[in-house]
Amino acid sequence: MRTSLKALTATASAALLVSGLAACSSGEPTASSTPTAAAATCQNVKSGATSDSVKVAGDFGKTPTVTFGSPLKAKDLERTVVVKGKGAVVKAGSNVDIALAAYNGTTGKELSAQGFDGSATAMLKVDDKAFVPGLVRAVECLPLGSRVVLTGPAGSAVGEQNLSQLNLTDKDSIVFVADLVDLPQTRANGKSVTPPAGFPKVTLDAKTGEPNITIPKADPPKETKIAVLKQGDGETVQSGDTVTVQYKGVLWRNGQMFDSSWSRGTPASFQTTGVVKGFQQALEGQKVGSQVIAIVPPADGYGDKGSGDIKATDTMVFVIDILKTTR
């Protein structure tokens, strides 16, 4: 959700991957956003003296101890596989959960660390148009369980992203250390449940799982209403968890879509406390694998100010696939 994701970015500013390394620098999805095609094959960046010079100690999944001589001089992107896993191979266009540490190679300063020691990992789409090329080059065509180092000039690694937002300049180098943790599910896999009367009708695209939401010819309810469309059997979402979801939001008055992770081609991750109240209520207490529909009136949405295409009087309808939760 657009306003909510702004708030999310503010709370997650220390997480470089989430807040800064998406290839699109607007930070605010729109209803016209469309998926982008990933490269059909991987580019297979090779190792070199620079990436080999970065020493990484510690077990996979644990916070690494990373040492390298600074200033680190990098002329091209180089990738060194520190640990090669034995899991499924991460293919171009797929999503992968990673733990990531990032460093300014010139100063040696850590820019960010996320996803280690059981903390929330970050989902990365292996697509240059979704995330910066350095991260895509780091993880593509490697098996899960791998730990990898990527080095390169900041400009080459970050692409069109604003370097100043990442505390880098075009004279700096950058170092990524990433653990390839999991290939996350991209749609709810729970058992179908018939919702109570009065809820919008939801049909799913057979290929992608994207919902089509048909609003009934009736006035919306005055209070937030939530129903389960698919009952998952995974972990229960608790307040403050970081969740990964697919979601679509439409307006009750005309069925117009105003936001959709499906349209952007990748799930979204955020804390339950970083979204509007009605969306939060739809998440907390539900199990991973569930699909939930929520009817959210203005009082539990954007209030009397609205947001973008959402008027102050608008009731919103969300269909949400709950894919993962981490606390």
C-alpha atoms as a PDB file:
ATOM      1  CA  MET A   1       0.000   0.000   0.000  1.00  0.00           C
ATOM      2  CA  ARG A   2       1.482   3.285  -1.066  1.00  0.00           C
ATOM      3  CA  THR A   3       1.273   5.431   2.049  1.00  0.00           C
ATOM      4  CA  SER A   4       2.005   2.456   4.292  1.00  0.00           C
ATOM      5  CA  LEU A   5       5.062   1.469   2.318  1.00  0.00           C
ATOM      6  CA  LYS A   6       6.445   4.970   2.806  1.00  0.00           C
ATOM      7  CA  ALA A   7       6.148   4.431   6.544  1.00  0.00           C
ATOM      8  CA  LEU A   8       7.742   1.034   6.175  1.00  0.00           C
ATOM      9  CA  THR A   9      10.751   2.499   4.384  1.00  0.00           C
ATOM     10  CA  ALA A  10      11.258   4.945   7.222  1.00  0.00           C
ATOM     11  CA  THR A  11      11.242   2.195   9.844  1.00  0.00           C
ATOM     12  CA  ALA A  12      13.537  -0.036   7.812  1.00  0.00           C
ATOM     13  CA  SER A  13      16.039   2.563   6.689  1.00  0.00           C
ATOM     14  CA  ALA A  14      18.884   0.599   8.254  1.00  0.00           C
ATOM     15  CA  ALA A  15      18.054  -2.371   6.038  1.00  0.00           C
ATOM     16  CA  LEU A  16      19.876  -1.421   2.865  1.00  0.00           C
ATOM     17  CA  LEU A  17      18.424  -4.198   0.766  1.00  0.00           C
ATOM     18  CA  VAL A  18      14.796  -3.420   1.580  1.00  0.00           C
ATOM     19  CA  SER A  19      14.910   0.350   1.544  1.00  0.00           C
ATOM     20  CA  GLY A  20      17.605   1.166  -0.960  1.00  0.00           C
ATOM     21  CA  LEU A  21      18.443  -1.534  -3.449  1.00  0.00           C
ATOM     22  CA  ALA A  22      15.220  -1.947  -5.367  1.00  0.00           C
ATOM     23  CA  ALA A  23      16.047  -0.890  -8.897  1.00  0.00           C
ATOM     24  CA  CYS A  24      13.060   1.428  -9.096  1.00  0.00           C
ATOM     25  CA  SER A  25      13.961   4.480  -7.040  1.00  0.00           C
ATOM     26  CA  SER A  26      10.438   5.884  -6.636  1.00  0.00           C
ATOM     27  CA  GLY A  27       9.780   3.750  -3.568  1.00  0.00           C
ATOM     28  CA  GLU A  28       6.046   4.076  -4.228  1.00  0.00           C
ATOM     29  CA  PRO A  29       4.241   1.499  -6.382  1.00  0.00           C
ATOM     30  CA  THR A  30       1.346   2.633  -8.527  1.00  0.00           C
ATOM     31  CA  ALA A  31      -1.705   0.958  -9.981  1.00  0.00           C
ATOM     32  CA  SER A  32      -0.071   1.099 -13.406  1.00  0.00           C
ATOM     33  CA  SER A  33       3.031  -0.801 -12.314  1.00  0.00           C
ATOM     34  CA  THR A  34       3.652  -3.875 -14.447  1.00  0.00           C
ATOM     35  CA  PRO A  35       5.957  -6.884 -14.078  1.00  0.00           C
ATOM     36  CA  THR A  36       9.271  -6.762 -15.880  1.00  0.00           C
ATOM     37  CA  ALA A  37      10.869  -9.580 -17.774  1.00  0.00           C
ATOM     38  CA  ALA A  38      14.001 -11.066 -16.288  1.00  0.00           C
ATOM     39  CA  ALA A  39      16.972 -12.063 -18.331  1.00  0.00           C
ATOM     40  CA  ALA A  40      16.483 -15.549 -19.719  1.00  0.00           C
ATOM     41  CA  THR A  41      19.948 -16.699 -18.659  1.00  0.00           C
ATOM     42  CA  CYS A  42      22.428 -15.793 -15.967  1.00  0.00           C
ATOM     43  CA  GLN A  43      25.487 -13.692 -16.727  1.00  0.00           C
ATOM     44  CA  ASN A  44      27.811 -15.742 -14.516  1.00  0.00           C
ATOM     45  CA  VAL A  45      30.178 -13.087 -13.168  1.00  0.00           C
ATOM     46  CA  LYS A  46      33.551 -14.724 -12.520  1.00  0.00           C
ATOM     47  CA  SER A  47      35.798 -14.539  -9.505  1.00  0.00           C
ATOM     48  CA  GLY A  48      38.902 -12.371  -9.515  1.00  0.00           C
ATOM     49  CA  ALA A  49      41.682 -11.086  -7.336  1.00  0.00           C
ATOM     50  CA  THR A  50      39.457  -8.409  -5.782  1.00  0.00           C
ATOM     51  CA  SER A  51      36.549 -10.644  -4.764  1.00  0.00           C
ATOM     52  CA  ASP A  52      38.981 -13.375  -3.680  1.00  0.00           C
ATOM     53  CA  SER A  53      40.689 -10.873  -1.359  1.00  0.00           C
ATOM     54  CA  VAL A  54      37.534 -10.530   0.759  1.00  0.00           C
ATOM     55  CA  LYS A  55      37.767 -13.036   3.614  1.00  0.00           C
ATOM     56  CA  VAL A  56      34.548 -14.273   5.197  1.00  0.00           C
ATOM     57  CA  ALA A  57      34.473 -16.340   8.396  1.00  0.00           C
ATOM     58  CA  GLY A  58      31.532 -17.902  10.211  1.00  0.00           C
ATOM     59  CA  ASP A  59      28.815 -20.450   9.553  1.00  0.00           C
ATOM     60  CA  PHE A  60      26.171 -20.088   6.879  1.00  0.00           C
ATOM     61  CA  GLY A  61      23.216 -18.111   8.232  1.00  0.00           C
ATOM     62  CA  LYS A  62      25.244 -16.593  11.051  1.00  0.00           C
ATOM     63  CA  THR A  63      26.550 -13.027  11.044  1.00  0.00           C
ATOM     64  CA  PRO A  64      29.776 -13.237   9.055  1.00  0.00           C
ATOM     65  CA  THR A  65      33.130 -11.775  10.030  1.00  0.00           C
ATOM     66  CA  VAL A  66      34.231  -9.963   6.871  1.00  0.00           C
ATOM     67  CA  THR A  67      37.732  -8.579   6.365  1.00  0.00           C
ATOM     68  CA  PHE A  68      39.331  -6.880   3.373  1.00  0.00           C
ATOM     69  CA  GLY A  69      41.966  -4.272   2.750  1.00  0.00           C
ATOM     70  CA  SER A  70      40.599  -0.768   2.289  1.00  0.00           C
ATOM     71  CA  PRO A  71      40.461   1.110   0.108  1.00  0.00           C
ATOM     72  CA  LEU A  72      39.340  -1.834  -1.994  1.00  0.00           C
ATOM     73  CA  LYS A  73      39.972  -1.139  -5.683  1.00  0.00           C
ATOM     74  CA  ALA A  74      37.439  -2.726  -8.027  1.00  0.00           C
ATOM     75  CA  LYS A  75      37.446  -2.262 -11.794  1.00  0.00           C
ATOM     76  CA  ASP A  76      34.713  -4.770 -12.655  1.00  0.00           C
ATOM     77  CA  LEU A  77      32.086  -6.914 -10.961  1.00  0.00           C
ATOM     78  CA  GLU A  78      33.638 -10.078  -9.520  1.00  0.00           C
ATOM     79  CA  ARG A  79      31.980 -12.944  -7.642  1.00  0.00           C
ATOM     80  CA  THR A  80      33.615 -15.464  -5.350  1.00  0.00           C
ATOM     81  CA  VAL A  81      31.598 -18.380  -3.979  1.00  0.00           C
ATOM     82  CA  VAL A  82      32.732 -18.888  -0.381  1.00  0.00           C
ATOM     83  CA  VAL A  83      30.407 -21.837   0.308  1.00  0.00           C
ATOM     84  CA  LYS A  84      28.587 -23.701  -2.450  1.00  0.00           C
ATOM     85  CA  GLY A  85      25.262 -25.074  -1.281  1.00  0.00           C
ATOM     86  CA  LYS A  86      23.447 -28.214  -2.349  1.00  0.00           C
ATOM     87  CA  GLY A  87      19.903 -26.897  -2.668  1.00  0.00           C
ATOM     88  CA  ALA A  88      17.760 -25.866  -5.612  1.00  0.00           C
ATOM     89  CA  VAL A  89      19.412 -23.501  -8.093  1.00  0.00           C
ATOM     90  CA  VAL A  90      18.284 -19.869  -8.080  1.00  0.00           C
ATOM     91  CA  LYS A  91      17.135 -19.147 -11.623  1.00  0.00           C
ATOM     92  CA  ALA A  92      16.706 -15.861 -13.455  1.00  0.00           C
ATOM     93  CA  GLY A  93      13.294 -14.377 -12.754  1.00  0.00           C
ATOM     94  CA  SER A  94      12.735 -16.297  -9.532  1.00  0.00           C
ATOM     95  CA  ASN A  95      12.469 -14.928  -6.001  1.00  0.00           C
ATOM     96  CA  VAL A  96      15.008 -15.848  -3.342  1.00  0.00           C
ATOM     97  CA  ASP A  97      15.271 -15.114   0.370  1.00  0.00           C
ATOM     98  CA  ILE A  98      18.746 -13.927   1.310  1.00  0.00           C
ATOM     99  CA  ALA A  99      20.739 -12.671   4.258  1.00  0.00           C
ATOM    100  CA  LEU A 100      22.929  -9.764   3.222  1.00  0.00           C
ATOM    101  CA  ALA A 101      25.827  -7.714   4.533  1.00  0.00           C
ATOM    102  CA  ALA A 102      26.946  -4.713   2.481  1.00  0.00           C
ATOM    103  CA  TYR A 103      30.104  -2.625   2.844  1.00  0.00           C
ATOM    104  CA  ASN A 104      31.655   0.490   1.402  1.00  0.00           C
ATOM    105  CA  GLY A 105      34.819  -0.992  -0.062  1.00  0.00           C
ATOM    106  CA  THR A 106      36.632   2.341   0.022  1.00  0.00           C
ATOM    107  CA  THR A 107      36.165   3.020   3.721  1.00  0.00           C
ATOM    108  CA  GLY A 108      35.560  -0.523   4.955  1.00  0.00           C
ATOM    109  CA  LYS A 109      32.402   0.683   6.708  1.00  0.00           C
ATOM    110  CA  GLU A 110      29.451  -1.692   6.991  1.00  0.00           C
ATOM    111  CA  LEU A 111      26.419  -0.222   5.243  1.00  0.00           C
ATOM    112  CA  SER A 112      23.881  -2.812   6.312  1.00  0.00           C
ATOM    113  CA  ALA A 113      23.400  -6.313   7.637  1.00  0.00           C
ATOM    114  CA  GLN A 114      20.100  -8.176   7.505  1.00  0.00           C
ATOM    115  CA  GLY A 115      18.760 -11.700   7.744  1.00  0.00           C
ATOM    116  CA  PHE A 116      21.498 -13.360   9.784  1.00  0.00           C
ATOM    117  CA  ASP A 117      21.113 -15.194  13.116  1.00  0.00           C
ATOM    118  CA  GLY A 118      17.418 -15.916  12.558  1.00  0.00           C
ATOM    119  CA  SER A 119      16.385 -12.330  11.811  1.00  0.00           C
ATOM    120  CA  ALA A 120      14.082 -11.537   8.901  1.00  0.00           C
ATOM    121  CA  THR A 121      15.647 -12.297   5.543  1.00  0.00           C
ATOM    122  CA  ALA A 122      14.958 -10.164   2.480  1.00  0.00           C
ATOM    123  CA  MET A 123      13.260 -11.358  -0.672  1.00  0.00           C
ATOM    124  CA  LEU A 124      15.089 -10.520  -3.879  1.00  0.00           C
ATOM    125  CA  LYS A 125      13.726 -10.956  -7.384  1.00  0.00           C
ATOM    126  CA  VAL A 126      16.478 -12.137  -9.723  1.00  0.00           C
ATOM    127  CA  ASP A 127      15.787  -9.429 -12.261  1.00  0.00           C
ATOM    128  CA  ASP A 128      17.869  -6.336 -13.020  1.00  0.00           C
ATOM    129  CA  LYS A 129      14.687  -4.279 -13.394  1.00  0.00           C
ATOM    130  CA  ALA A 130      13.533  -5.227  -9.896  1.00  0.00           C
ATOM    131  CA  PHE A 131      16.811  -5.036  -7.942  1.00  0.00           C
ATOM    132  CA  VAL A 132      20.209  -3.512  -8.535  1.00  0.00           C
ATOM    133  CA  PRO A 133      22.415  -5.554 -10.900  1.00  0.00           C
ATOM    134  CA  GLY A 134      25.144  -6.241  -8.355  1.00  0.00           C
ATOM    135  CA  LEU A 135      22.783  -8.202  -6.125  1.00  0.00           C
ATOM    136  CA  VAL A 136      21.269 -10.057  -9.052  1.00  0.00           C
ATOM    137  CA  ARG A 137      24.750 -11.012 -10.307  1.00  0.00           C
ATOM    138  CA  ALA A 138      25.666 -12.139  -6.781  1.00  0.00           C
ATOM    139  CA  VAL A 139      22.904 -14.723  -6.365  1.00  0.00           C
ATOM    140  CA  GLU A 140      21.881 -15.907  -9.838  1.00  0.00           C
ATOM    141  CA  CYS A 141      22.533 -19.504 -10.889  1.00  0.00           C
ATOM    142  CA  LEU A 142      23.802 -20.561  -7.460  1.00  0.00           C
ATOM    143  CA  PRO A 143      22.216 -23.290  -5.310  1.00  0.00           C
ATOM    144  CA  LEU A 144      20.514 -22.564  -2.011  1.00  0.00           C
ATOM    145  CA  GLY A 145      22.883 -22.895   0.937  1.00  0.00           C
ATOM    146  CA  SER A 146      25.563 -20.897  -0.867  1.00  0.00           C
ATOM    147  CA  ARG A 147      27.476 -17.973   0.613  1.00  0.00           C
ATOM    148  CA  VAL A 148      28.877 -15.543  -1.937  1.00  0.00           C
ATOM    149  CA  VAL A 149      30.979 -12.383  -2.144  1.00  0.00           C
ATOM    150  CA  LEU A 150      30.461  -9.812  -4.868  1.00  0.00           C
ATOM    151  CA  THR A 151      32.736  -6.795  -5.362  1.00  0.00           C
ATOM    152  CA  GLY A 152      32.612  -4.010  -7.887  1.00  0.00           C
ATOM    153  CA  PRO A 153      32.563  -0.290  -8.559  1.00  0.00           C
ATOM    154  CA  ALA A 154      29.579   1.226  -6.782  1.00  0.00           C
ATOM    155  CA  GLY A 155      28.124   2.551 -10.037  1.00  0.00           C
ATOM    156  CA  SER A 156      28.275  -0.822 -11.789  1.00  0.00           C
ATOM    157  CA  ALA A 157      26.863  -2.681  -8.793  1.00  0.00           C
ATOM    158  CA  VAL A 158      24.047  -0.252  -8.094  1.00  0.00           C
ATOM    159  CA  GLY A 159      23.172   0.700 -11.666  1.00  0.00           C
ATOM    160  CA  GLU A 160      20.704   3.573 -11.953  1.00  0.00           C
ATOM    161  CA  GLN A 161      20.080   3.807  -8.213  1.00  0.00           C
ATOM    162  CA  ASN A 162      20.991   7.073  -6.467  1.00  0.00           C
ATOM    163  CA  LEU A 163      24.366   6.387  -4.862  1.00  0.00           C
ATOM    164  CA  SER A 164      23.988   9.195  -2.317  1.00  0.00           C
ATOM    165  CA  GLN A 165      20.923   7.442  -0.864  1.00  0.00           C
ATOM    166  CA  LEU A 166      23.201   4.510  -0.086  1.00  0.00           C
ATOM    167  CA  ASN A 167      25.992   6.647   1.393  1.00  0.00           C
ATOM    168  CA  LEU A 168      28.200   5.928  -1.613  1.00  0.00           C
ATOM    169  CA  THR A 169      29.865   7.958  -4.358  1.00  0.00           C
ATOM    170  CA  ASP A 170      30.837   7.009  -7.900  1.00  0.00           C
ATOM    171  CA  LYS A 171      34.438   6.739  -6.713  1.00  0.00           C
ATOM    172  CA  ASP A 172      33.610   4.049  -4.145  1.00  0.00           C
ATOM    173  CA  SER A 173      33.626   0.288  -4.459  1.00  0.00           C
ATOM    174  CA  ILE A 174      31.047  -1.940  -2.833  1.00  0.00           C
ATOM    175  CA  VAL A 175      31.173  -5.375  -1.210  1.00  0.00           C
ATOM    176  CA  PHE A 176      28.160  -7.689  -0.848  1.00  0.00           C
ATOM    177  CA  VAL A 177      28.214 -10.866   1.242  1.00  0.00           C
ATOM    178  CA  ALA A 178      25.032 -12.874   0.749  1.00  0.00           C
ATOM    179  CA  ASP A 179      23.666 -16.178   2.033  1.00  0.00           C
ATOM    180  CA  LEU A 180      21.078 -17.812  -0.235  1.00  0.00           C
ATOM    181  CA  VAL A 181      18.537 -19.072   2.275  1.00  0.00           C
ATOM    182  CA  ASP A 182      15.313 -20.178   0.593  1.00  0.00           C
ATOM    183  CA  LEU A 183      13.064 -20.078  -2.458  1.00  0.00           C
ATOM    184  CA  PRO A 184       9.859 -18.664  -0.992  1.00  0.00           C
ATOM    185  CA  GLN A 185       6.381 -19.617  -2.071  1.00  0.00           C
ATOM    186  CA  THR A 186       4.637 -16.973  -4.164  1.00  0.00           C
ATOM    187  CA  ARG A 187       0.973 -17.822  -3.495  1.00  0.00           C
ATOM    188  CA  ALA A 188      -1.136 -19.127  -0.622  1.00  0.00           C
ATOM    189  CA  ASN A 189      -1.323 -22.911  -0.502  1.00  0.00           C
ATOM    190  CA  GLY A 190      -3.954 -23.437   2.188  1.00  0.00           C
ATOM    191  CA  LYS A 191      -7.274 -25.289   1.951  1.00  0.00           C
ATOM    192  CA  SER A 192     -10.081 -23.339   0.274  1.00  0.00           C
ATOM    193  CA  VAL A 193     -12.761 -21.952   2.603  1.00  0.00           C
ATOM    194  CA  THR A 194     -16.157 -20.487   1.661  1.00  0.00           C
ATOM    195  CA  PRO A 195     -16.410 -16.935   3.031  1.00  0.00           C
ATOM    196  CA  PRO A 196     -19.535 -15.580   4.756  1.00  0.00           C
ATOM    197  CA  ALA A 197     -22.267 -13.919   2.714  1.00  0.00           C
ATOM    198  CA  GLY A 198     -21.729 -10.296   1.740  1.00  0.00           C
ATOM    199  CA  PHE A 199     -18.036 -10.500   0.897  1.00  0.00           C
ATOM    200  CA  PRO A 200     -16.775  -9.706  -2.614  1.00  0.00           C
ATOM    201  CA  LYS A 201     -16.362 -12.632  -4.980  1.00  0.00           C
ATOM    202  CA  VAL A 202     -12.758 -13.675  -5.572  1.00  0.00           C
ATOM    203  CA  THR A 203     -11.523 -15.771  -8.488  1.00  0.00           C
ATOM    204  CA  LEU A 204      -7.860 -16.617  -9.047  1.00  0.00           C
ATOM    205  CA  ASP A 205      -5.777 -16.610 -12.192  1.00  0.00           C
ATOM    206  CA  ALA A 206      -4.904 -20.242 -12.806  1.00  0.00           C
ATOM    207  CA  LYS A 207      -1.298 -19.475 -13.736  1.00  0.00           C
ATOM    208  CA  THR A 208      -0.250 -16.712 -11.341  1.00  0.00           C
ATOM    209  CA  GLY A 209      -2.792 -16.904  -8.531  1.00  0.00           C
ATOM    210  CA  GLU A 210      -3.580 -13.204  -8.857  1.00  0.00           C
ATOM    211  CA  PRO A 211      -7.097 -12.532  -7.541  1.00  0.00           C
ATOM    212  CA  ASN A 212      -9.911 -10.936  -9.495  1.00  0.00           C
ATOM    213  CA  ILE A 213     -12.212  -9.157  -7.041  1.00  0.00           C
ATOM    214  CA  THR A 214     -15.888  -8.525  -7.860  1.00  0.00           C
ATOM    215  CA  ILE A 215     -17.623  -6.048  -5.543  1.00  0.00           C
ATOM    216  CA  PRO A 216     -21.264  -6.819  -4.634  1.00  0.00           C
ATOM    217  CA  LYS A 217     -23.994  -4.314  -5.513  1.00  0.00           C
ATOM    218  CA  ALA A 218     -24.491  -3.207  -1.929  1.00  0.00           C
ATOM    219  CA  ASP A 219     -23.280  -0.598   0.518  1.00  0.00           C
ATOM    220  CA  PRO A 220     -20.003  -1.471   2.247  1.00  0.00           C
ATOM    221  CA  PRO A 221     -19.994  -2.430   5.924  1.00  0.00           C
ATOM    222  CA  LYS A 222     -19.252   0.291   8.460  1.00  0.00           C
ATOM    223  CA  GLU A 223     -16.650  -1.804  10.301  1.00  0.00           C
ATOM    224  CA  THR A 224     -13.666  -3.821   9.127  1.00  0.00           C
ATOM    225  CA  LYS A 225     -14.659  -7.321   8.050  1.00  0.00           C
ATOM    226  CA  ILE A 226     -12.156 -10.140   7.583  1.00  0.00           C
ATOM    227  CA  ALA A 227     -12.644 -13.642   6.195  1.00  0.00           C
ATOM    228  CA  VAL A 228     -10.359 -16.537   5.309  1.00  0.00           C
ATOM    229  CA  LEU A 229     -10.449 -17.760   1.704  1.00  0.00           C
ATOM    230  CA  LYS A 230      -7.683 -20.341   2.124  1.00  0.00           C
ATOM    231  CA  GLN A 231      -6.745 -21.782   5.504  1.00  0.00           C
ATOM    232  CA  GLY A 232      -3.017 -22.305   5.865  1.00  0.00           C
ATOM    233  CA  ASP A 233      -1.323 -24.452   8.480  1.00  0.00           C
ATOM    234  CA  GLY A 234       1.951 -22.566   8.932  1.00  0.00           C
ATOM    235  CA  GLU A 235       3.213 -20.313  11.678  1.00  0.00           C
ATOM    236  CA  THR A 236       0.797 -17.778  13.184  1.00  0.00           C
ATOM    237  CA  VAL A 237       1.478 -14.114  12.396  1.00  0.00           C
ATOM    238  CA  GLN A 238       2.015 -12.049  15.542  1.00  0.00           C
ATOM    239  CA  SER A 239       1.976  -8.303  16.054  1.00  0.00           C
ATOM    240  CA  GLY A 240       5.250  -6.747  14.932  1.00  0.00           C
ATOM    241  CA  ASP A 241       6.276  -9.725  12.775  1.00  0.00           C
ATOM    242  CA  THR A 242       7.869  -9.089   9.410  1.00  0.00           C
ATOM    243  CA  VAL A 243       5.564 -10.732   6.887  1.00  0.00           C
ATOM    244  CA  THR A 244       5.988 -11.547   3.228  1.00  0.00           C
ATOM    245  CA  VAL A 245       2.742 -11.331   1.283  1.00  0.00           C
ATOM    246  CA  GLN A 246       1.120 -11.051  -2.088  1.00  0.00           C
ATOM    247  CA  TYR A 247      -1.769  -8.591  -2.009  1.00  0.00           C
ATOM    248  CA  LYS A 248      -4.226  -6.704  -4.173  1.00  0.00           C
ATOM    249  CA  GLY A 249      -6.298  -3.711  -3.165  1.00  0.00           C
ATOM    250  CA  VAL A 250      -9.422  -2.376  -4.895  1.00  0.00           C
ATOM    251  CA  LEU A 251     -12.003   0.285  -4.087  1.00  0.00           C
ATOM    252  CA  TRP A 252     -15.504  -0.799  -3.053  1.00  0.00           C
ATOM    253  CA  ARG A 253     -17.203   2.038  -4.949  1.00  0.00           C
ATOM    254  CA  ASN A 254     -15.962   1.035  -8.412  1.00  0.00           C
ATOM    255  CA  GLY A 255     -13.733  -2.054  -8.135  1.00  0.00           C
ATOM    256  CA  GLN A 256     -10.715  -0.038  -9.299  1.00  0.00           C
ATOM    257  CA  MET A 257      -7.352  -1.511  -8.342  1.00  0.00           C
ATOM    258  CA  PHE A 258      -5.104   0.968  -6.532  1.00  0.00           C
ATOM    259  CA  ASP A 259      -2.229  -1.303  -5.557  1.00  0.00           C
ATOM    260  CA  SER A 260      -1.040  -4.846  -6.227  1.00  0.00           C
ATOM    261  CA  SER A 261       2.127  -6.784  -5.522  1.00  0.00           C
ATOM    262  CA  TRP A 262       1.118  -9.161  -8.314  1.00  0.00           C
ATOM    263  CA  SER A 263       1.279  -6.278 -10.785  1.00  0.00           C
ATOM    264  CA  ARG A 264       4.828  -5.531  -9.668  1.00  0.00           C
ATOM    265  CA  GLY A 265       5.851  -9.147 -10.179  1.00  0.00           C
ATOM    266  CA  THR A 266       7.198  -9.810  -6.676  1.00  0.00           C
ATOM    267  CA  PRO A 267       5.825 -10.254  -3.133  1.00  0.00           C
ATOM    268  CA  ALA A 268       6.195  -7.500  -0.532  1.00  0.00           C
ATOM    269  CA  SER A 269       7.751  -7.699   2.940  1.00  0.00           C
ATOM    270  CA  PHE A 270       7.018  -5.367   5.867  1.00  0.00           C
ATOM    271  CA  GLN A 271       6.178  -5.301   9.569  1.00  0.00           C
ATOM    272  CA  THR A 272       2.529  -5.776  10.490  1.00  0.00           C
ATOM    273  CA  THR A 273       2.747  -2.579  12.499  1.00  0.00           C
ATOM    274  CA  GLY A 274       3.898  -0.596   9.451  1.00  0.00           C
ATOM    275  CA  VAL A 275       0.592  -0.718   7.538  1.00  0.00           C
ATOM    276  CA  VAL A 276      -2.899   0.728   8.034  1.00  0.00           C
ATOM    277  CA  LYS A 277      -4.956  -0.717  10.873  1.00  0.00           C
ATOM    278  CA  GLY A 278      -7.347  -2.773   8.758  1.00  0.00           C
ATOM    279  CA  PHE A 279      -4.501  -4.402   6.837  1.00  0.00           C
ATOM    280  CA  GLN A 280      -2.728  -5.143  10.116  1.00  0.00           C
ATOM    281  CA  GLN A 281      -5.875  -6.750  11.541  1.00  0.00           C
ATOM    282  CA  ALA A 282      -6.143  -8.938   8.457  1.00  0.00           C
ATOM    283  CA  LEU A 283      -2.629 -10.297   9.020  1.00  0.00           C
ATOM    284  CA  GLU A 284      -2.234 -10.788  12.749  1.00  0.00           C
ATOM    285  CA  GLY A 285      -3.553 -14.072  14.088  1.00  0.00           C
ATOM    286  CA  GLN A 286      -3.587 -15.709  10.653  1.00  0.00           C
ATOM    287  CA  LYS A 287      -1.425 -18.660   9.630  1.00  0.00           C
ATOM    288  CA  VAL A 288       1.186 -18.713   6.898  1.00  0.00           C
ATOM    289  CA  GLY A 289      -0.278 -20.276   3.758  1.00  0.00           C
ATOM    290  CA  SER A 290      -3.617 -18.541   4.282  1.00  0.00           C
ATOM    291  CA  GLN A 291      -5.408 -16.232   1.885  1.00  0.00           C
ATOM    292  CA  VAL A 292      -7.458 -13.536   3.583  1.00  0.00           C
ATOM    293  CA  ILE A 293      -9.969 -10.971   2.330  1.00  0.00           C
ATOM    294  CA  ALA A 294     -10.428  -7.742   4.272  1.00  0.00           C
ATOM    295  CA  ILE A 295     -13.031  -5.005   3.837  1.00  0.00           C
ATOM    296  CA  VAL A 296     -11.498  -1.868   5.338  1.00  0.00           C
ATOM    297  CA  PRO A 297     -13.566   1.328   5.867  1.00  0.00           C
ATOM    298  CA  PRO A 298     -11.846   4.739   6.062  1.00  0.00           C
ATOM    299  CA  ALA A 299     -11.570   4.661   9.861  1.00  0.00           C
ATOM    300  CA  ASP A 300      -9.225   1.664   9.666  1.00  0.00           C
ATOM    301  CA  GLY A 301      -7.615   2.795   6.400  1.00  0.00           C
ATOM    302  CA  TYR A 302      -6.390   6.230   5.375  1.00  0.00           C
ATOM    303  CA  GLY A 303      -8.927   8.195   7.391  1.00  0.00           C
ATOM    304  CA  ASP A 304     -10.449  11.514   6.396  1.00  0.00           C
ATOM    305  CA  LYS A 305      -7.455  12.523   4.235  1.00  0.00           C
ATOM    306  CA  GLY A 306      -7.406   9.573   1.861  1.00  0.00           C
ATOM    307  CA  SER A 307      -4.350   8.764  -0.215  1.00  0.00           C
ATOM    308  CA  GLY A 308      -3.858   9.214  -3.953  1.00  0.00           C
ATOM    309  CA  ASP A 309      -6.794   7.583  -5.756  1.00  0.00           C
ATOM    310  CA  ILE A 310      -8.278   6.604  -2.396  1.00  0.00           C
ATOM    311  CA  LYS A 311     -10.833   9.194  -1.278  1.00  0.00           C
ATOM    312  CA  ALA A 312     -11.616  10.012   2.338  1.00  0.00           C
ATOM    313  CA  THR A 313     -14.941   8.183   1.961  1.00  0.00           C
ATOM    314  CA  ASP A 314     -13.523   5.089   0.263  1.00  0.00           C
ATOM    315  CA  THR A 315     -13.798   1.593   1.645  1.00  0.00           C
ATOM    316  CA  MET A 316     -10.929  -0.623   0.487  1.00  0.00           C
ATOM    317  CA  VAL A 317     -10.936  -4.355  -0.202  1.00  0.00           C
ATOM    318  CA  PHE A 318      -7.734  -6.376   0.086  1.00  0.00           C
ATOM    319  CA  VAL A 319      -7.029  -9.979  -0.846  1.00  0.00           C
ATOM    320  CA  ILE A 320      -3.812 -11.089   0.856  1.00  0.00           C
ATOM    321  CA  ASP A 321      -1.736 -14.260   0.476  1.00  0.00           C
ATOM    322  CA  ILE A 322       0.381 -14.758   3.604  1.00  0.00           C
ATOM    323  CA  LEU A 323       3.633 -16.383   2.519  1.00  0.00           C
ATOM    324  CA  LYS A 324       6.032 -15.998   5.417  1.00  0.00           C
ATOM    325  CA  THR A 325       6.388 -14.479   8.878  1.00  0.00           C
ATOM    326  CA  THR A 326       9.517 -13.723  10.928  1.00  0.00           C
ATOM    327  CA  ARG A 327       9.886 -12.167  14.363  1.00  0.00           C
END
